Amino acid sequence: MIKKRLNIRMSGLGGQGAVTAAHVMAMAANRDGKFSISNPFFGAEKRMAPAESYCRIGIERIYDRGELVFPDVIEVFHPQVITMGKSYTMPFYSGIKEGGVVIINSGQPLLSEEDVQRLKDLNVAVFYIAGTELAIETAGTELSTNMTMIGSVAGITKCVSMEALDGALQERFGKKFVASGGTASLDEAIKKKFAKKEMLLAKNLATVKRAYEIAAEWAEKNKIELRVGNPAVAV
């Protein structure tokens, strides 16, 4: 399915870097010559509190901001979004468009039979990835979980290239970047995990690449096609 715009809703908990993930995706899209907007939606900036962020990527200018009610892709950064209802949108997949994709950070299925059937009726594909474990294995810290979520959505949708993601990560973590209080604290926390900034960039990029490869392989195997482009000229 080729769409002029891809709407991505990222649901997680405070401290997981969902806001950073949306911003990195948007920066990468700009580098690829696409239009994009990212914005957060959260209450108190504290760890483990519900947090959402949105990323809109398209081939035409994007003017709307605010809550993303009808996403094409939903990313679940933490199992508690599902198991404990820590989400501003309930059920967490509310509003997802037909033919969309749900990406869940978990090594095991979390959905009830009812939820599975509802998503199946909408022709929504569900992709599970043990993102936190992958982050620890590749980067050595769970703080890079958001990198696995970036790689997953990019691998499935190809909405941004790996080259663009590399540049976006360097821009985000390699330069002085002004962020909100909570997001800035998270940025500093992950930077302190590495002796050198170059190591941080290398580990984050490696985590993104690994998740990208896993997700791309899954999408190809399951014939999942959700792309950003011009439907009128799609081959």
C-alpha atoms as a PDB file:
ATOM      1  CA  MET A   1       0.000   0.000   0.000  1.00  0.00           C
ATOM      2  CA  ILE A   2       1.461   3.342  -1.100  1.00  0.00           C
ATOM      3  CA  LYS A   3       0.304   6.379   0.882  1.00  0.00           C
ATOM      4  CA  LYS A   4       1.038  10.067   0.515  1.00  0.00           C
ATOM      5  CA  ARG A   5       1.453  10.272   4.258  1.00  0.00           C
ATOM      6  CA  LEU A   6       2.297   7.870   7.058  1.00  0.00           C
ATOM      7  CA  ASN A   7       0.985   8.633  10.541  1.00  0.00           C
ATOM      8  CA  ILE A   8       2.895   6.975  13.385  1.00  0.00           C
ATOM      9  CA  ARG A   9       1.708   6.931  17.005  1.00  0.00           C
ATOM     10  CA  MET A  10       4.269   5.927  19.627  1.00  0.00           C
ATOM     11  CA  SER A  11       2.841   4.859  22.983  1.00  0.00           C
ATOM     12  CA  GLY A  12       5.174   4.259  25.887  1.00  0.00           C
ATOM     13  CA  LEU A  13       6.115   5.259  29.400  1.00  0.00           C
ATOM     14  CA  GLY A  14       8.090   8.238  30.614  1.00  0.00           C
ATOM     15  CA  GLY A  15      11.837   7.727  30.311  1.00  0.00           C
ATOM     16  CA  GLN A  16      11.711   5.355  27.336  1.00  0.00           C
ATOM     17  CA  GLY A  17      12.560   7.964  24.729  1.00  0.00           C
ATOM     18  CA  ALA A  18       9.359   7.907  22.676  1.00  0.00           C
ATOM     19  CA  VAL A  19       9.640  11.664  22.163  1.00  0.00           C
ATOM     20  CA  THR A  20      13.240  11.313  20.996  1.00  0.00           C
ATOM     21  CA  ALA A  21      12.273   8.463  18.657  1.00  0.00           C
ATOM     22  CA  ALA A  22       9.603  10.545  16.928  1.00  0.00           C
ATOM     23  CA  HIS A  23      11.992  13.464  16.544  1.00  0.00           C
ATOM     24  CA  VAL A  24      14.780  11.311  15.085  1.00  0.00           C
ATOM     25  CA  MET A  25      12.320   9.784  12.597  1.00  0.00           C
ATOM     26  CA  ALA A  26      11.126  13.235  11.539  1.00  0.00           C
ATOM     27  CA  MET A  27      14.692  14.514  11.085  1.00  0.00           C
ATOM     28  CA  ALA A  28      15.556  11.447   9.013  1.00  0.00           C
ATOM     29  CA  ALA A  29      12.504  11.988   6.808  1.00  0.00           C
ATOM     30  CA  ASN A  30      13.610  15.568   6.138  1.00  0.00           C
ATOM     31  CA  ARG A  31      17.041  14.283   5.144  1.00  0.00           C
ATOM     32  CA  ASP A  32      15.355  11.944   2.667  1.00  0.00           C
ATOM     33  CA  GLY A  33      13.545  14.882   1.079  1.00  0.00           C
ATOM     34  CA  LYS A  34      10.166  14.200   2.677  1.00  0.00           C
ATOM     35  CA  PHE A  35       8.010  16.456   4.815  1.00  0.00           C
ATOM     36  CA  SER A  36       7.539  15.624   8.478  1.00  0.00           C
ATOM     37  CA  ILE A  37       6.307  16.827  11.845  1.00  0.00           C
ATOM     38  CA  SER A  38       6.854  15.267  15.267  1.00  0.00           C
ATOM     39  CA  ASN A  39       5.296  16.277  18.543  1.00  0.00           C
ATOM     40  CA  PRO A  40       4.854  14.821  22.041  1.00  0.00           C
ATOM     41  CA  PHE A  41       1.743  14.325  24.128  1.00  0.00           C
ATOM     42  CA  PHE A  42       2.153  13.659  27.836  1.00  0.00           C
ATOM     43  CA  GLY A  43       1.144  14.777  31.296  1.00  0.00           C
ATOM     44  CA  ALA A  44       3.663  14.874  34.128  1.00  0.00           C
ATOM     45  CA  GLU A  45       7.228  14.335  32.893  1.00  0.00           C
ATOM     46  CA  LYS A  46       8.152  11.434  35.144  1.00  0.00           C
ATOM     47  CA  ARG A  47       9.376   7.901  34.647  1.00  0.00           C
ATOM     48  CA  MET A  48       6.772   5.188  34.020  1.00  0.00           C
ATOM     49  CA  ALA A  49       3.939   7.681  33.472  1.00  0.00           C
ATOM     50  CA  PRO A  50       2.024   7.298  30.181  1.00  0.00           C
ATOM     51  CA  ALA A  51       3.629   9.170  27.291  1.00  0.00           C
ATOM     52  CA  GLU A  52       2.858   9.398  23.595  1.00  0.00           C
ATOM     53  CA  SER A  53       4.573  10.981  20.645  1.00  0.00           C
ATOM     54  CA  TYR A  54       3.525  11.361  17.049  1.00  0.00           C
ATOM     55  CA  CYS A  55       5.419  11.424  13.788  1.00  0.00           C
ATOM     56  CA  ARG A  56       3.840  12.360  10.478  1.00  0.00           C
ATOM     57  CA  ILE A  57       5.852  11.725   7.302  1.00  0.00           C
ATOM     58  CA  GLY A  58       4.673  12.517   3.780  1.00  0.00           C
ATOM     59  CA  ILE A  59       5.417  13.734   0.280  1.00  0.00           C
ATOM     60  CA  GLU A  60       3.346  16.902   0.738  1.00  0.00           C
ATOM     61  CA  ARG A  61       3.512  19.671   3.328  1.00  0.00           C
ATOM     62  CA  ILE A  62       2.008  18.751   6.693  1.00  0.00           C
ATOM     63  CA  TYR A  63       0.218  21.386   8.732  1.00  0.00           C
ATOM     64  CA  ASP A  64      -1.752  19.492  11.367  1.00  0.00           C
ATOM     65  CA  ARG A  65      -0.281  18.834  14.794  1.00  0.00           C
ATOM     66  CA  GLY A  66      -1.683  17.634  18.067  1.00  0.00           C
ATOM     67  CA  GLU A  67      -2.999  14.210  18.973  1.00  0.00           C
ATOM     68  CA  LEU A  68      -2.815  11.618  16.225  1.00  0.00           C
ATOM     69  CA  VAL A  69      -6.230   9.972  16.324  1.00  0.00           C
ATOM     70  CA  PHE A  70      -6.051   7.812  13.180  1.00  0.00           C
ATOM     71  CA  PRO A  71      -2.555   6.293  12.860  1.00  0.00           C
ATOM     72  CA  ASP A  72      -1.276   3.968  10.160  1.00  0.00           C
ATOM     73  CA  VAL A  73       1.322   2.563  12.548  1.00  0.00           C
ATOM     74  CA  ILE A  74       1.208   2.185  16.324  1.00  0.00           C
ATOM     75  CA  GLU A  75       4.359   1.429  18.284  1.00  0.00           C
ATOM     76  CA  VAL A  76       4.072   0.102  21.835  1.00  0.00           C
ATOM     77  CA  PHE A  77       7.287   0.823  23.728  1.00  0.00           C
ATOM     78  CA  HIS A  78       6.356  -0.993  26.954  1.00  0.00           C
ATOM     79  CA  PRO A  79       4.102  -4.017  27.695  1.00  0.00           C
ATOM     80  CA  GLN A  80       2.301  -2.046  30.440  1.00  0.00           C
ATOM     81  CA  VAL A  81       0.716   0.103  27.739  1.00  0.00           C
ATOM     82  CA  ILE A  82      -1.327  -3.025  26.983  1.00  0.00           C
ATOM     83  CA  THR A  83      -1.325  -5.088  30.184  1.00  0.00           C
ATOM     84  CA  MET A  84      -2.007  -2.203  32.603  1.00  0.00           C
ATOM     85  CA  GLY A  85      -3.734   0.233  30.282  1.00  0.00           C
ATOM     86  CA  LYS A  86      -1.018   2.878  30.612  1.00  0.00           C
ATOM     87  CA  SER A  87      -2.118   4.670  27.487  1.00  0.00           C
ATOM     88  CA  TYR A  88      -3.940   7.898  26.695  1.00  0.00           C
ATOM     89  CA  THR A  89      -5.837   5.975  24.038  1.00  0.00           C
ATOM     90  CA  MET A  90      -7.840   2.920  25.089  1.00  0.00           C
ATOM     91  CA  PRO A  91      -7.765   0.388  23.736  1.00  0.00           C
ATOM     92  CA  PHE A  92      -4.215   1.217  22.694  1.00  0.00           C
ATOM     93  CA  TYR A  93      -5.000   0.461  19.041  1.00  0.00           C
ATOM     94  CA  SER A  94      -8.017   2.771  18.948  1.00  0.00           C
ATOM     95  CA  GLY A  95      -8.288   4.591  15.620  1.00  0.00           C
ATOM     96  CA  ILE A  96      -5.760   2.516  13.702  1.00  0.00           C
ATOM     97  CA  LYS A  97      -6.469   2.526   9.993  1.00  0.00           C
ATOM     98  CA  GLU A  98      -7.360  -0.555   8.004  1.00  0.00           C
ATOM     99  CA  GLY A  99      -4.242  -2.248   6.658  1.00  0.00           C
ATOM    100  CA  GLY A 100      -2.068  -0.696   9.353  1.00  0.00           C
ATOM    101  CA  VAL A 101       0.714  -2.155  11.482  1.00  0.00           C
ATOM    102  CA  VAL A 102       1.143  -2.540  15.243  1.00  0.00           C
ATOM    103  CA  ILE A 103       4.716  -2.906  16.554  1.00  0.00           C
ATOM    104  CA  ILE A 104       5.036  -4.190  20.128  1.00  0.00           C
ATOM    105  CA  ASN A 105       8.164  -4.263  22.266  1.00  0.00           C
ATOM    106  CA  SER A 106       7.770  -7.723  23.759  1.00  0.00           C
ATOM    107  CA  GLY A 107       9.296 -11.140  23.315  1.00  0.00           C
ATOM    108  CA  GLN A 108       5.924 -12.824  23.765  1.00  0.00           C
ATOM    109  CA  PRO A 109       2.320 -12.207  22.642  1.00  0.00           C
ATOM    110  CA  LEU A 110       0.354  -9.807  24.851  1.00  0.00           C
ATOM    111  CA  LEU A 111      -2.953  -9.353  23.050  1.00  0.00           C
ATOM    112  CA  SER A 112      -6.198 -10.978  24.113  1.00  0.00           C
ATOM    113  CA  GLU A 113      -8.100 -13.160  21.670  1.00  0.00           C
ATOM    114  CA  GLU A 114     -10.634 -10.365  21.298  1.00  0.00           C
ATOM    115  CA  ASP A 115      -7.960  -7.809  20.412  1.00  0.00           C
ATOM    116  CA  VAL A 116      -6.323 -10.213  17.971  1.00  0.00           C
ATOM    117  CA  GLN A 117      -9.649 -10.720  16.193  1.00  0.00           C
ATOM    118  CA  ARG A 118     -10.437  -6.995  16.063  1.00  0.00           C
ATOM    119  CA  LEU A 119      -7.078  -6.221  14.498  1.00  0.00           C
ATOM    120  CA  LYS A 120      -7.462  -9.137  12.100  1.00  0.00           C
ATOM    121  CA  ASP A 121     -10.844  -7.773  10.995  1.00  0.00           C
ATOM    122  CA  LEU A 122      -9.093  -4.490  10.153  1.00  0.00           C
ATOM    123  CA  ASN A 123      -6.332  -6.335   8.291  1.00  0.00           C
ATOM    124  CA  VAL A 124      -3.815  -4.916  10.779  1.00  0.00           C
ATOM    125  CA  ALA A 125      -0.515  -6.796  11.046  1.00  0.00           C
ATOM    126  CA  VAL A 126       1.121  -7.232  14.464  1.00  0.00           C
ATOM    127  CA  PHE A 127       4.903  -7.402  14.826  1.00  0.00           C
ATOM    128  CA  TYR A 128       6.530  -8.381  18.116  1.00  0.00           C
ATOM    129  CA  ILE A 129      10.175  -7.579  18.799  1.00  0.00           C
ATOM    130  CA  ALA A 130      12.085  -8.057  22.056  1.00  0.00           C
ATOM    131  CA  GLY A 131      13.319  -4.491  21.768  1.00  0.00           C
ATOM    132  CA  THR A 132      14.630  -3.976  25.282  1.00  0.00           C
ATOM    133  CA  GLU A 133      16.587  -7.241  25.201  1.00  0.00           C
ATOM    134  CA  LEU A 134      17.974  -6.325  21.777  1.00  0.00           C
ATOM    135  CA  ALA A 135      19.029  -2.895  23.082  1.00  0.00           C
ATOM    136  CA  ILE A 136      20.831  -4.427  26.060  1.00  0.00           C
ATOM    137  CA  GLU A 137      22.512  -7.017  23.844  1.00  0.00           C
ATOM    138  CA  THR A 138      23.640  -4.526  21.187  1.00  0.00           C
ATOM    139  CA  ALA A 139      24.108  -1.219  23.007  1.00  0.00           C
ATOM    140  CA  GLY A 140      24.580  -2.504  26.531  1.00  0.00           C
ATOM    141  CA  THR A 141      21.706  -0.469  27.988  1.00  0.00           C
ATOM    142  CA  GLU A 142      17.915  -0.543  28.038  1.00  0.00           C
ATOM    143  CA  LEU A 143      17.999   3.216  27.392  1.00  0.00           C
ATOM    144  CA  SER A 144      18.502   2.349  23.719  1.00  0.00           C
ATOM    145  CA  THR A 145      15.129   0.590  23.533  1.00  0.00           C
ATOM    146  CA  ASN A 146      13.800   3.512  21.511  1.00  0.00           C
ATOM    147  CA  MET A 147      16.480   2.785  18.909  1.00  0.00           C
ATOM    148  CA  THR A 148      14.967  -0.664  18.353  1.00  0.00           C
ATOM    149  CA  MET A 149      11.562   0.928  17.857  1.00  0.00           C
ATOM    150  CA  ILE A 150      13.010   3.380  15.330  1.00  0.00           C
ATOM    151  CA  GLY A 151      14.647   0.534  13.437  1.00  0.00           C
ATOM    152  CA  SER A 152      11.476  -1.554  13.511  1.00  0.00           C
ATOM    153  CA  VAL A 153       9.160   1.028  11.969  1.00  0.00           C
ATOM    154  CA  ALA A 154      11.791   2.023   9.404  1.00  0.00           C
ATOM    155  CA  GLY A 155      12.437  -1.598   8.464  1.00  0.00           C
ATOM    156  CA  ILE A 156       8.763  -2.370   7.921  1.00  0.00           C
ATOM    157  CA  THR A 157       7.665   0.823   6.161  1.00  0.00           C
ATOM    158  CA  LYS A 158      10.928   2.051   4.574  1.00  0.00           C
ATOM    159  CA  CYS A 159       9.619   5.548   5.330  1.00  0.00           C
ATOM    160  CA  VAL A 160      13.187   6.666   6.049  1.00  0.00           C
ATOM    161  CA  SER A 161      16.535   5.313   4.884  1.00  0.00           C
ATOM    162  CA  MET A 162      19.329   3.995   7.087  1.00  0.00           C
ATOM    163  CA  GLU A 163      21.606   6.705   5.690  1.00  0.00           C
ATOM    164  CA  ALA A 164      19.138   9.375   6.793  1.00  0.00           C
ATOM    165  CA  LEU A 165      18.771   7.777  10.224  1.00  0.00           C
ATOM    166  CA  ASP A 166      22.547   7.783  10.639  1.00  0.00           C
ATOM    167  CA  GLY A 167      22.616  11.513   9.909  1.00  0.00           C
ATOM    168  CA  ALA A 168      19.649  12.203  12.194  1.00  0.00           C
ATOM    169  CA  LEU A 169      21.276  10.354  15.098  1.00  0.00           C
ATOM    170  CA  GLN A 170      24.487  12.313  14.649  1.00  0.00           C
ATOM    171  CA  GLU A 171      22.501  15.534  14.615  1.00  0.00           C
ATOM    172  CA  ARG A 172      20.547  14.572  17.728  1.00  0.00           C
ATOM    173  CA  PHE A 173      23.341  13.165  19.885  1.00  0.00           C
ATOM    174  CA  GLY A 174      26.469  14.541  18.259  1.00  0.00           C
ATOM    175  CA  LYS A 175      25.594  18.217  18.575  1.00  0.00           C
ATOM    176  CA  LYS A 176      24.176  20.517  21.223  1.00  0.00           C
ATOM    177  CA  PHE A 177      20.428  19.960  21.041  1.00  0.00           C
ATOM    178  CA  VAL A 178      17.793  21.918  22.969  1.00  0.00           C
ATOM    179  CA  ALA A 179      15.037  19.682  24.381  1.00  0.00           C
ATOM    180  CA  SER A 180      12.397  19.814  27.104  1.00  0.00           C
ATOM    181  CA  GLY A 181      13.396  19.062  30.699  1.00  0.00           C
ATOM    182  CA  GLY A 182      12.501  15.367  30.767  1.00  0.00           C
ATOM    183  CA  THR A 183      13.803  14.636  27.284  1.00  0.00           C
ATOM    184  CA  ALA A 184      17.035  16.523  27.950  1.00  0.00           C
ATOM    185  CA  SER A 185      17.574  14.498  31.131  1.00  0.00           C
ATOM    186  CA  LEU A 186      17.118  11.259  29.197  1.00  0.00           C
ATOM    187  CA  ASP A 187      19.574  12.424  26.534  1.00  0.00           C
ATOM    188  CA  GLU A 188      22.162  13.179  29.211  1.00  0.00           C
ATOM    189  CA  ALA A 189      21.535   9.854  30.967  1.00  0.00           C
ATOM    190  CA  ILE A 190      22.251   7.827  27.854  1.00  0.00           C
ATOM    191  CA  LYS A 191      25.298   9.955  27.006  1.00  0.00           C
ATOM    192  CA  LYS A 192      26.779   9.150  30.428  1.00  0.00           C
ATOM    193  CA  LYS A 193      26.511   5.435  29.636  1.00  0.00           C
ATOM    194  CA  PHE A 194      29.302   5.795  27.110  1.00  0.00           C
ATOM    195  CA  ALA A 195      32.837   7.090  27.592  1.00  0.00           C
ATOM    196  CA  LYS A 196      32.860   8.791  24.220  1.00  0.00           C
ATOM    197  CA  LYS A 197      30.147  10.356  22.103  1.00  0.00           C
ATOM    198  CA  GLU A 198      31.370   8.385  19.095  1.00  0.00           C
ATOM    199  CA  MET A 199      30.696   5.153  20.983  1.00  0.00           C
ATOM    200  CA  LEU A 200      27.161   6.304  21.797  1.00  0.00           C
ATOM    201  CA  LEU A 201      26.459   7.043  18.143  1.00  0.00           C
ATOM    202  CA  ALA A 202      27.958   3.743  16.986  1.00  0.00           C
ATOM    203  CA  LYS A 203      25.996   1.659  19.504  1.00  0.00           C
ATOM    204  CA  ASN A 204      22.720   3.447  18.802  1.00  0.00           C
ATOM    205  CA  LEU A 205      23.162   3.053  15.050  1.00  0.00           C
ATOM    206  CA  ALA A 206      24.028  -0.632  15.458  1.00  0.00           C
ATOM    207  CA  THR A 207      20.846  -1.118  17.486  1.00  0.00           C
ATOM    208  CA  VAL A 208      18.746   0.649  14.851  1.00  0.00           C
ATOM    209  CA  LYS A 209      20.309  -1.450  12.072  1.00  0.00           C
ATOM    210  CA  ARG A 210      19.724  -4.745  13.861  1.00  0.00           C
ATOM    211  CA  ALA A 211      16.062  -3.950  14.521  1.00  0.00           C
ATOM    212  CA  TYR A 212      15.691  -2.682  10.944  1.00  0.00           C
ATOM    213  CA  GLU A 213      16.979  -5.986   9.565  1.00  0.00           C
ATOM    214  CA  ILE A 214      14.714  -8.094  11.784  1.00  0.00           C
ATOM    215  CA  ALA A 215      11.638  -6.009  10.949  1.00  0.00           C
ATOM    216  CA  ALA A 216      12.388  -5.862   7.219  1.00  0.00           C
ATOM    217  CA  GLU A 217      12.761  -9.642   7.096  1.00  0.00           C
ATOM    218  CA  TRP A 218       9.428 -10.074   8.903  1.00  0.00           C
ATOM    219  CA  ALA A 219       7.683  -7.625   6.557  1.00  0.00           C
ATOM    220  CA  GLU A 220       9.022  -9.394   3.476  1.00  0.00           C
ATOM    221  CA  LYS A 221       8.077 -12.823   4.804  1.00  0.00           C
ATOM    222  CA  ASN A 222       4.539 -11.692   5.645  1.00  0.00           C
ATOM    223  CA  LYS A 223       4.168  -9.569   2.497  1.00  0.00           C
ATOM    224  CA  ILE A 224       3.543  -6.377   4.466  1.00  0.00           C
ATOM    225  CA  GLU A 225       3.682  -3.302   2.254  1.00  0.00           C
ATOM    226  CA  LEU A 226       3.093   0.118   3.778  1.00  0.00           C
ATOM    227  CA  ARG A 227       5.073   2.846   2.029  1.00  0.00           C
ATOM    228  CA  VAL A 228       5.225   6.618   1.661  1.00  0.00           C
ATOM    229  CA  GLY A 229       5.021   7.801  -1.931  1.00  0.00           C
ATOM    230  CA  ASN A 230       2.745   8.978  -4.712  1.00  0.00           C
ATOM    231  CA  PRO A 231       0.019   6.354  -5.330  1.00  0.00           C
ATOM    232  CA  ALA A 232      -0.623   7.825  -8.787  1.00  0.00           C
ATOM    233  CA  VAL A 233       2.846   6.898 -10.039  1.00  0.00           C
ATOM    234  CA  ALA A 234       3.382   3.736  -7.994  1.00  0.00           C
ATOM    235  CA  VAL A 235       4.423   0.720 -10.023  1.00  0.00           C
END
